[in-house]
Amino acid sequence: TQGVLTAGAAVYVNQLIKQSGYIKGESEKE
């Protein structure tokens, strides 16, 4: 449970960063 929750949180943070546009051009690559 802790491994899944921490991995899910890491992926969530990654998506927040991508969606905010903080990493330019990242969302266009996928």
Full PDB file with SEQRES, HELIX, SHEET, SSBOND, CRYST1, ORIGX, SCALE, CONECT and MASTER records, all heavy atoms in Angstrom:
SEQRES   1 A   30  THR GLN GLY VAL LEU THR ALA GLY ALA ALA VAL TYR VAL          
SEQRES   2 A   30  ASN GLN LEU ILE LYS GLN SER GLY TYR ILE LYS GLY GLU          
SEQRES   3 A   30  SER GLU LYS GLU                                              
HELIX    1 AA1 GLN A    2  SER A   20  1                                  19    
HELIX    2 AA2 GLU A   26  LYS A   29  1                                   4    
CRYST1    1.000    1.000    1.000  90.00  90.00  90.00 P 1           1          
ORIGX1      1.000000  0.000000  0.000000        0.00000                         
ORIGX2      0.000000  1.000000  0.000000        0.00000                         
ORIGX3      0.000000  0.000000  1.000000        0.00000                         
SCALE1      1.000000  0.000000  0.000000        0.00000                         
SCALE2      0.000000  1.000000  0.000000        0.00000                         
SCALE3      0.000000  0.000000  1.000000        0.00000                         
ATOM      1  N   THR A   1       0.829  -1.210   0.000  1.00  0.00           N  
ATOM      2  CA  THR A   1       0.000   0.000   0.000  1.00  0.00           C  
ATOM      3  C   THR A   1       0.862   1.259   0.000  1.00  0.00           C  
ATOM      4  O   THR A   1       0.578   2.202  -0.752  1.00  0.00           O  
ATOM      5  CB  THR A   1      -0.976   0.021   1.194  1.00  0.00           C  
ATOM      6  OG1 THR A   1      -0.251  -0.108   2.407  1.00  0.00           O  
ATOM      7  CG2 THR A   1      -1.999  -1.081   1.083  1.00  0.00           C  
ATOM      8  N   GLN A   2       1.905   1.291   0.800  1.00  0.00           N  
ATOM      9  CA  GLN A   2       2.756   2.476   0.841  1.00  0.00           C  
ATOM     10  C   GLN A   2       3.508   2.663  -0.476  1.00  0.00           C  
ATOM     11  O   GLN A   2       3.652   3.784  -0.956  1.00  0.00           O  
ATOM     12  CB  GLN A   2       3.733   2.396   2.013  1.00  0.00           C  
ATOM     13  CG  GLN A   2       3.070   2.431   3.370  1.00  0.00           C  
ATOM     14  CD  GLN A   2       2.320   3.720   3.621  1.00  0.00           C  
ATOM     15  OE1 GLN A   2       2.905   4.795   3.677  1.00  0.00           O  
ATOM     16  NE2 GLN A   2       1.013   3.613   3.768  1.00  0.00           N  
ATOM     17  N   GLY A   3       3.972   1.581  -1.072  1.00  0.00           N  
ATOM     18  CA  GLY A   3       4.666   1.670  -2.357  1.00  0.00           C  
ATOM     19  C   GLY A   3       3.766   2.176  -3.463  1.00  0.00           C  
ATOM     20  O   GLY A   3       4.152   3.036  -4.261  1.00  0.00           O  
ATOM     21  N   VAL A   4       2.545   1.665  -3.504  1.00  0.00           N  
ATOM     22  CA  VAL A   4       1.588   2.102  -4.531  1.00  0.00           C  
ATOM     23  C   VAL A   4       1.198   3.561  -4.308  1.00  0.00           C  
ATOM     24  O   VAL A   4       1.130   4.354  -5.260  1.00  0.00           O  
ATOM     25  CB  VAL A   4       0.341   1.182  -4.542  1.00  0.00           C  
ATOM     26  CG1 VAL A   4      -0.763   1.771  -5.383  1.00  0.00           C  
ATOM     27  CG2 VAL A   4       0.721  -0.208  -5.043  1.00  0.00           C  
ATOM     28  N   LEU A   5       0.956   3.940  -3.059  1.00  0.00           N  
ATOM     29  CA  LEU A   5       0.580   5.326  -2.757  1.00  0.00           C  
ATOM     30  C   LEU A   5       1.700   6.306  -3.092  1.00  0.00           C  
ATOM     31  O   LEU A   5       1.445   7.370  -3.674  1.00  0.00           O  
ATOM     32  CB  LEU A   5       0.179   5.471  -1.288  1.00  0.00           C  
ATOM     33  CG  LEU A   5      -1.172   4.883  -0.903  1.00  0.00           C  
ATOM     34  CD1 LEU A   5      -1.341   4.891   0.613  1.00  0.00           C  
ATOM     35  CD2 LEU A   5      -2.315   5.654  -1.565  1.00  0.00           C  
ATOM     36  N   THR A   6       2.931   5.968  -2.744  1.00  0.00           N  
ATOM     37  CA  THR A   6       4.027   6.886  -3.047  1.00  0.00           C  
ATOM     38  C   THR A   6       4.282   6.975  -4.550  1.00  0.00           C  
ATOM     39  O   THR A   6       4.546   8.064  -5.069  1.00  0.00           O  
ATOM     40  CB  THR A   6       5.321   6.492  -2.311  1.00  0.00           C  
ATOM     41  OG1 THR A   6       5.648   5.136  -2.596  1.00  0.00           O  
ATOM     42  CG2 THR A   6       5.183   6.695  -0.817  1.00  0.00           C  
ATOM     43  N   ALA A   7       4.179   5.857  -5.249  1.00  0.00           N  
ATOM     44  CA  ALA A   7       4.346   5.886  -6.706  1.00  0.00           C  
ATOM     45  C   ALA A   7       3.219   6.683  -7.348  1.00  0.00           C  
ATOM     46  O   ALA A   7       3.456   7.483  -8.266  1.00  0.00           O  
ATOM     47  CB  ALA A   7       4.390   4.466  -7.268  1.00  0.00           C  
ATOM     48  N   GLY A   8       1.998   6.474  -6.858  1.00  0.00           N  
ATOM     49  CA  GLY A   8       0.863   7.243  -7.388  1.00  0.00           C  
ATOM     50  C   GLY A   8       1.033   8.730  -7.154  1.00  0.00           C  
ATOM     51  O   GLY A   8       0.729   9.556  -8.026  1.00  0.00           O  
ATOM     52  N   ALA A   9       1.541   9.093  -5.994  1.00  0.00           N  
ATOM     53  CA  ALA A   9       1.782  10.503  -5.692  1.00  0.00           C  
ATOM     54  C   ALA A   9       2.864  11.073  -6.601  1.00  0.00           C  
ATOM     55  O   ALA A   9       2.749  12.207  -7.080  1.00  0.00           O  
ATOM     56  CB  ALA A   9       2.162  10.672  -4.230  1.00  0.00           C  
ATOM     57  N   ALA A  10       3.911  10.297  -6.875  1.00  0.00           N  
ATOM     58  CA  ALA A  10       4.984  10.758  -7.758  1.00  0.00           C  
ATOM     59  C   ALA A  10       4.466  10.979  -9.172  1.00  0.00           C  
ATOM     60  O   ALA A  10       4.791  11.985  -9.818  1.00  0.00           O  
ATOM     61  CB  ALA A  10       6.136   9.760  -7.759  1.00  0.00           C  
ATOM     62  N   VAL A  11       3.640  10.063  -9.660  1.00  0.00           N  
ATOM     63  CA  VAL A  11       3.059  10.211 -10.996  1.00  0.00           C  
ATOM     64  C   VAL A  11       2.110  11.404 -11.017  1.00  0.00           C  
ATOM     65  O   VAL A  11       2.084  12.176 -11.982  1.00  0.00           O  
ATOM     66  CB  VAL A  11       2.339   8.909 -11.429  1.00  0.00           C  
ATOM     67  CG1 VAL A  11       1.560   9.110 -12.717  1.00  0.00           C  
ATOM     68  CG2 VAL A  11       3.354   7.779 -11.581  1.00  0.00           C  
ATOM     69  N   TYR A  12       1.356  11.586  -9.948  1.00  0.00           N  
ATOM     70  CA  TYR A  12       0.441  12.726  -9.837  1.00  0.00           C  
ATOM     71  C   TYR A  12       1.218  14.042  -9.878  1.00  0.00           C  
ATOM     72  O   TYR A  12       0.834  14.975 -10.600  1.00  0.00           O  
ATOM     73  CB  TYR A  12      -0.368  12.618  -8.547  1.00  0.00           C  
ATOM     74  CG  TYR A  12      -1.323  13.744  -8.328  1.00  0.00           C  
ATOM     75  CD1 TYR A  12      -2.500  13.842  -9.069  1.00  0.00           C  
ATOM     76  CD2 TYR A  12      -1.060  14.725  -7.385  1.00  0.00           C  
ATOM     77  CE1 TYR A  12      -3.384  14.889  -8.875  1.00  0.00           C  
ATOM     78  CE2 TYR A  12      -1.931  15.774  -7.181  1.00  0.00           C  
ATOM     79  CZ  TYR A  12      -3.104  15.852  -7.931  1.00  0.00           C  
ATOM     80  OH  TYR A  12      -3.965  16.891  -7.738  1.00  0.00           O  
ATOM     81  N   VAL A  13       2.303  14.121  -9.137  1.00  0.00           N  
ATOM     82  CA  VAL A  13       3.133  15.328  -9.146  1.00  0.00           C  
ATOM     83  C   VAL A  13       3.675  15.578 -10.547  1.00  0.00           C  
ATOM     84  O   VAL A  13       3.664  16.710 -11.039  1.00  0.00           O  
ATOM     85  CB  VAL A  13       4.284  15.209  -8.115  1.00  0.00           C  
ATOM     86  CG1 VAL A  13       5.329  16.298  -8.313  1.00  0.00           C  
ATOM     87  CG2 VAL A  13       3.725  15.264  -6.700  1.00  0.00           C  
ATOM     88  N   ASN A  14       4.124  14.520 -11.206  1.00  0.00           N  
ATOM     89  CA  ASN A  14       4.622  14.646 -12.570  1.00  0.00           C  
ATOM     90  C   ASN A  14       3.551  15.219 -13.488  1.00  0.00           C  
ATOM     91  O   ASN A  14       3.828  16.116 -14.287  1.00  0.00           O  
ATOM     92  CB  ASN A  14       5.100  13.286 -13.081  1.00  0.00           C  
ATOM     93  CG  ASN A  14       5.574  13.354 -14.512  1.00  0.00           C  
ATOM     94  OD1 ASN A  14       4.811  13.134 -15.443  1.00  0.00           O  
ATOM     95  ND2 ASN A  14       6.841  13.681 -14.685  1.00  0.00           N  
ATOM     96  N   GLN A  15       2.337  14.731 -13.370  1.00  0.00           N  
ATOM     97  CA  GLN A  15       1.251  15.214 -14.222  1.00  0.00           C  
ATOM     98  C   GLN A  15       0.882  16.660 -13.892  1.00  0.00           C  
ATOM     99  O   GLN A  15       0.578  17.444 -14.786  1.00  0.00           O  
ATOM    100  CB  GLN A  15       0.027  14.305 -14.096  1.00  0.00           C  
ATOM    101  CG  GLN A  15       0.217  12.963 -14.749  1.00  0.00           C  
ATOM    102  CD  GLN A  15       0.548  13.075 -16.223  1.00  0.00           C  
ATOM    103  OE1 GLN A  15      -0.142  13.750 -16.987  1.00  0.00           O  
ATOM    104  NE2 GLN A  15       1.634  12.442 -16.640  1.00  0.00           N  
ATOM    105  N   LEU A  16       0.914  17.016 -12.614  1.00  0.00           N  
ATOM    106  CA  LEU A  16       0.654  18.412 -12.236  1.00  0.00           C  
ATOM    107  C   LEU A  16       1.679  19.340 -12.874  1.00  0.00           C  
ATOM    108  O   LEU A  16       1.323  20.417 -13.379  1.00  0.00           O  
ATOM    109  CB  LEU A  16       0.691  18.580 -10.718  1.00  0.00           C  
ATOM    110  CG  LEU A  16      -0.510  18.105  -9.934  1.00  0.00           C  
ATOM    111  CD1 LEU A  16      -0.260  18.295  -8.438  1.00  0.00           C  
ATOM    112  CD2 LEU A  16      -1.767  18.852 -10.344  1.00  0.00           C  
ATOM    113  N   ILE A  17       2.938  18.935 -12.842  1.00  0.00           N  
ATOM    114  CA  ILE A  17       3.994  19.753 -13.437  1.00  0.00           C  
ATOM    115  C   ILE A  17       3.793  19.875 -14.943  1.00  0.00           C  
ATOM    116  O   ILE A  17       3.883  20.967 -15.508  1.00  0.00           O  
ATOM    117  CB  ILE A  17       5.383  19.181 -13.092  1.00  0.00           C  
ATOM    118  CG1 ILE A  17       5.652  19.351 -11.594  1.00  0.00           C  
ATOM    119  CG2 ILE A  17       6.481  19.844 -13.915  1.00  0.00           C  
ATOM    120  CD1 ILE A  17       6.868  18.621 -11.090  1.00  0.00           C  
ATOM    121  N   LYS A  18       3.486  18.771 -15.598  1.00  0.00           N  
ATOM    122  CA  LYS A  18       3.247  18.802 -17.044  1.00  0.00           C  
ATOM    123  C   LYS A  18       2.041  19.663 -17.396  1.00  0.00           C  
ATOM    124  O   LYS A  18       2.089  20.474 -18.325  1.00  0.00           O  
ATOM    125  CB  LYS A  18       3.019  17.386 -17.582  1.00  0.00           C  
ATOM    126  CG  LYS A  18       4.254  16.581 -17.738  1.00  0.00           C  
ATOM    127  CD  LYS A  18       3.896  15.240 -18.347  1.00  0.00           C  
ATOM    128  CE  LYS A  18       5.096  14.362 -18.461  1.00  0.00           C  
ATOM    129  NZ  LYS A  18       4.749  13.052 -19.029  1.00  0.00           N  
ATOM    130  N   GLN A  19       0.949  19.481 -16.667  1.00  0.00           N  
ATOM    131  CA  GLN A  19      -0.283  20.213 -16.964  1.00  0.00           C  
ATOM    132  C   GLN A  19      -0.135  21.708 -16.694  1.00  0.00           C  
ATOM    133  O   GLN A  19      -0.788  22.519 -17.348  1.00  0.00           O  
ATOM    134  CB  GLN A  19      -1.455  19.653 -16.147  1.00  0.00           C  
ATOM    135  CG  GLN A  19      -1.787  18.208 -16.437  1.00  0.00           C  
ATOM    136  CD  GLN A  19      -2.220  17.974 -17.875  1.00  0.00           C  
ATOM    137  OE1 GLN A  19      -2.910  18.782 -18.461  1.00  0.00           O  
ATOM    138  NE2 GLN A  19      -1.788  16.856 -18.439  1.00  0.00           N  
ATOM    139  N   SER A  20       0.706  22.065 -15.749  1.00  0.00           N  
ATOM    140  CA  SER A  20       0.900  23.482 -15.439  1.00  0.00           C  
ATOM    141  C   SER A  20       1.739  24.171 -16.501  1.00  0.00           C  
ATOM    142  O   SER A  20       1.800  25.391 -16.542  1.00  0.00           O  
ATOM    143  CB  SER A  20       1.561  23.647 -14.069  1.00  0.00           C  
ATOM    144  OG  SER A  20       2.917  23.239 -14.130  1.00  0.00           O  
ATOM    145  N   GLY A  21       2.398  23.395 -17.346  1.00  0.00           N  
ATOM    146  CA  GLY A  21       3.251  23.965 -18.374  1.00  0.00           C  
ATOM    147  C   GLY A  21       4.619  24.352 -17.850  1.00  0.00           C  
ATOM    148  O   GLY A  21       5.382  25.027 -18.530  1.00  0.00           O  
ATOM    149  N   TYR A  22       4.936  23.942 -16.620  1.00  0.00           N  
ATOM    150  CA  TYR A  22       6.225  24.273 -16.031  1.00  0.00           C  
ATOM    151  C   TYR A  22       7.363  23.686 -16.863  1.00  0.00           C  
ATOM    152  O   TYR A  22       8.377  24.311 -17.071  1.00  0.00           O  
ATOM    153  CB  TYR A  22       6.301  23.763 -14.586  1.00  0.00           C  
ATOM    154  CG  TYR A  22       7.563  24.154 -13.884  1.00  0.00           C  
ATOM    155  CD1 TYR A  22       7.776  25.470 -13.481  1.00  0.00           C  
ATOM    156  CD2 TYR A  22       8.551  23.221 -13.624  1.00  0.00           C  
ATOM    157  CE1 TYR A  22       8.948  25.832 -12.846  1.00  0.00           C  
ATOM    158  CE2 TYR A  22       9.722  23.578 -12.987  1.00  0.00           C  
ATOM    159  CZ  TYR A  22       9.916  24.881 -12.595  1.00  0.00           C  
ATOM    160  OH  TYR A  22      11.071  25.241 -11.975  1.00  0.00           O  
ATOM    161  N   ILE A  23       7.158  22.480 -17.354  1.00  0.00           N  
ATOM    162  CA  ILE A  23       8.128  21.865 -18.262  1.00  0.00           C  
ATOM    163  C   ILE A  23       7.624  22.133 -19.667  1.00  0.00           C  
ATOM    164  O   ILE A  23       6.667  21.524 -20.128  1.00  0.00           O  
ATOM    165  CB  ILE A  23       8.272  20.348 -18.005  1.00  0.00           C  
ATOM    166  CG1 ILE A  23       8.730  20.091 -16.574  1.00  0.00           C  
ATOM    167  CG2 ILE A  23       9.233  19.732 -18.999  1.00  0.00           C  
ATOM    168  CD1 ILE A  23       8.793  18.623 -16.208  1.00  0.00           C  
ATOM    169  N   LYS A  24       8.244  23.050 -20.346  1.00  0.00           N  
ATOM    170  CA  LYS A  24       7.803  23.474 -21.677  1.00  0.00           C  
ATOM    171  C   LYS A  24       7.980  22.348 -22.688  1.00  0.00           C  
ATOM    172  O   LYS A  24       9.015  21.704 -22.738  1.00  0.00           O  
ATOM    173  CB  LYS A  24       8.601  24.699 -22.143  1.00  0.00           C  
ATOM    174  CG  LYS A  24       8.437  25.888 -21.224  1.00  0.00           C  
ATOM    175  CD  LYS A  24       7.072  26.492 -21.381  1.00  0.00           C  
ATOM    176  CE  LYS A  24       7.016  27.761 -20.537  1.00  0.00           C  
ATOM    177  NZ  LYS A  24       5.776  27.996 -19.919  1.00  0.00           N  
ATOM    178  N   GLY A  25       6.945  22.148 -23.483  1.00  0.00           N  
ATOM    179  CA  GLY A  25       7.008  21.189 -24.567  1.00  0.00           C  
ATOM    180  C   GLY A  25       6.899  19.741 -24.153  1.00  0.00           C  
ATOM    181  O   GLY A  25       6.867  18.872 -24.973  1.00  0.00           O  
ATOM    182  N   GLU A  26       6.847  19.465 -22.867  1.00  0.00           N  
ATOM    183  CA  GLU A  26       6.790  18.079 -22.390  1.00  0.00           C  
ATOM    184  C   GLU A  26       5.503  17.412 -22.833  1.00  0.00           C  
ATOM    185  O   GLU A  26       5.502  16.266 -23.246  1.00  0.00           O  
ATOM    186  CB  GLU A  26       6.935  18.038 -20.872  1.00  0.00           C  
ATOM    187  CG  GLU A  26       7.122  16.667 -20.311  1.00  0.00           C  
ATOM    188  CD  GLU A  26       8.463  16.055 -20.655  1.00  0.00           C  
ATOM    189  OE1 GLU A  26       9.425  16.778 -20.898  1.00  0.00           O  
ATOM    190  OE2 GLU A  26       8.528  14.810 -20.705  1.00  0.00           O  
ATOM    191  N   SER A  27       4.375  18.109 -22.757  1.00  0.00           N  
ATOM    192  CA  SER A  27       3.093  17.490 -23.105  1.00  0.00           C  
ATOM    193  C   SER A  27       2.963  17.259 -24.604  1.00  0.00           C  
ATOM    194  O   SER A  27       2.236  16.391 -25.035  1.00  0.00           O  
ATOM    195  CB  SER A  27       1.936  18.363 -22.607  1.00  0.00           C  
ATOM    196  OG  SER A  27       2.017  19.638 -23.205  1.00  0.00           O  
ATOM    197  N   GLU A  28       3.694  18.017 -25.423  1.00  0.00           N  
ATOM    198  CA  GLU A  28       3.624  17.811 -26.876  1.00  0.00           C  
ATOM    199  C   GLU A  28       4.360  16.557 -27.315  1.00  0.00           C  
ATOM    200  O   GLU A  28       4.095  16.012 -28.369  1.00  0.00           O  
ATOM    201  CB  GLU A  28       4.209  19.019 -27.620  1.00  0.00           C  
ATOM    202  CG  GLU A  28       3.357  20.254 -27.527  1.00  0.00           C  
ATOM    203  CD  GLU A  28       4.031  21.352 -26.722  1.00  0.00           C  
ATOM    204  OE1 GLU A  28       5.282  21.388 -26.676  1.00  0.00           O  
ATOM    205  OE2 GLU A  28       3.318  22.149 -26.132  1.00  0.00           O  
ATOM    206  N   LYS A  29       5.326  16.087 -26.502  1.00  0.00           N  
ATOM    207  CA  LYS A  29       6.110  14.920 -26.866  1.00  0.00           C  
ATOM    208  C   LYS A  29       5.293  13.635 -26.814  1.00  0.00           C  
ATOM    209  O   LYS A  29       5.602  12.679 -27.464  1.00  0.00           O  
ATOM    210  CB  LYS A  29       7.329  14.781 -25.947  1.00  0.00           C  
ATOM    211  CG  LYS A  29       8.369  15.834 -26.169  1.00  0.00           C  
ATOM    212  CD  LYS A  29       9.534  15.607 -25.216  1.00  0.00           C  
ATOM    213  CE  LYS A  29      10.555  16.708 -25.321  1.00  0.00           C  
ATOM    214  NZ  LYS A  29      11.629  16.532 -24.348  1.00  0.00           N  
ATOM    215  N   GLU A  30       4.281  13.617 -25.951  1.00  0.00           N  
ATOM    216  CA  GLU A  30       3.548  12.365 -25.752  1.00  0.00           C  
ATOM    217  C   GLU A  30       2.320  12.287 -26.586  1.00  0.00           C  
ATOM    218  O   GLU A  30       1.721  13.117 -27.045  1.00  0.00           O  
ATOM    219  CB  GLU A  30       3.203  12.233 -24.267  1.00  0.00           C  
ATOM    220  CG  GLU A  30       4.473  12.166 -23.465  1.00  0.00           C  
ATOM    221  CD  GLU A  30       4.197  11.959 -21.999  1.00  0.00           C  
ATOM    222  OE1 GLU A  30       3.414  11.067 -21.674  1.00  0.00           O  
ATOM    223  OE2 GLU A  30       4.782  12.679 -21.210  1.00  0.00           O  
TER     224      GLU A  30                                                      
MASTER        0    0    0    2    0    0    0    6  223    1    0    3          
END                                                                             
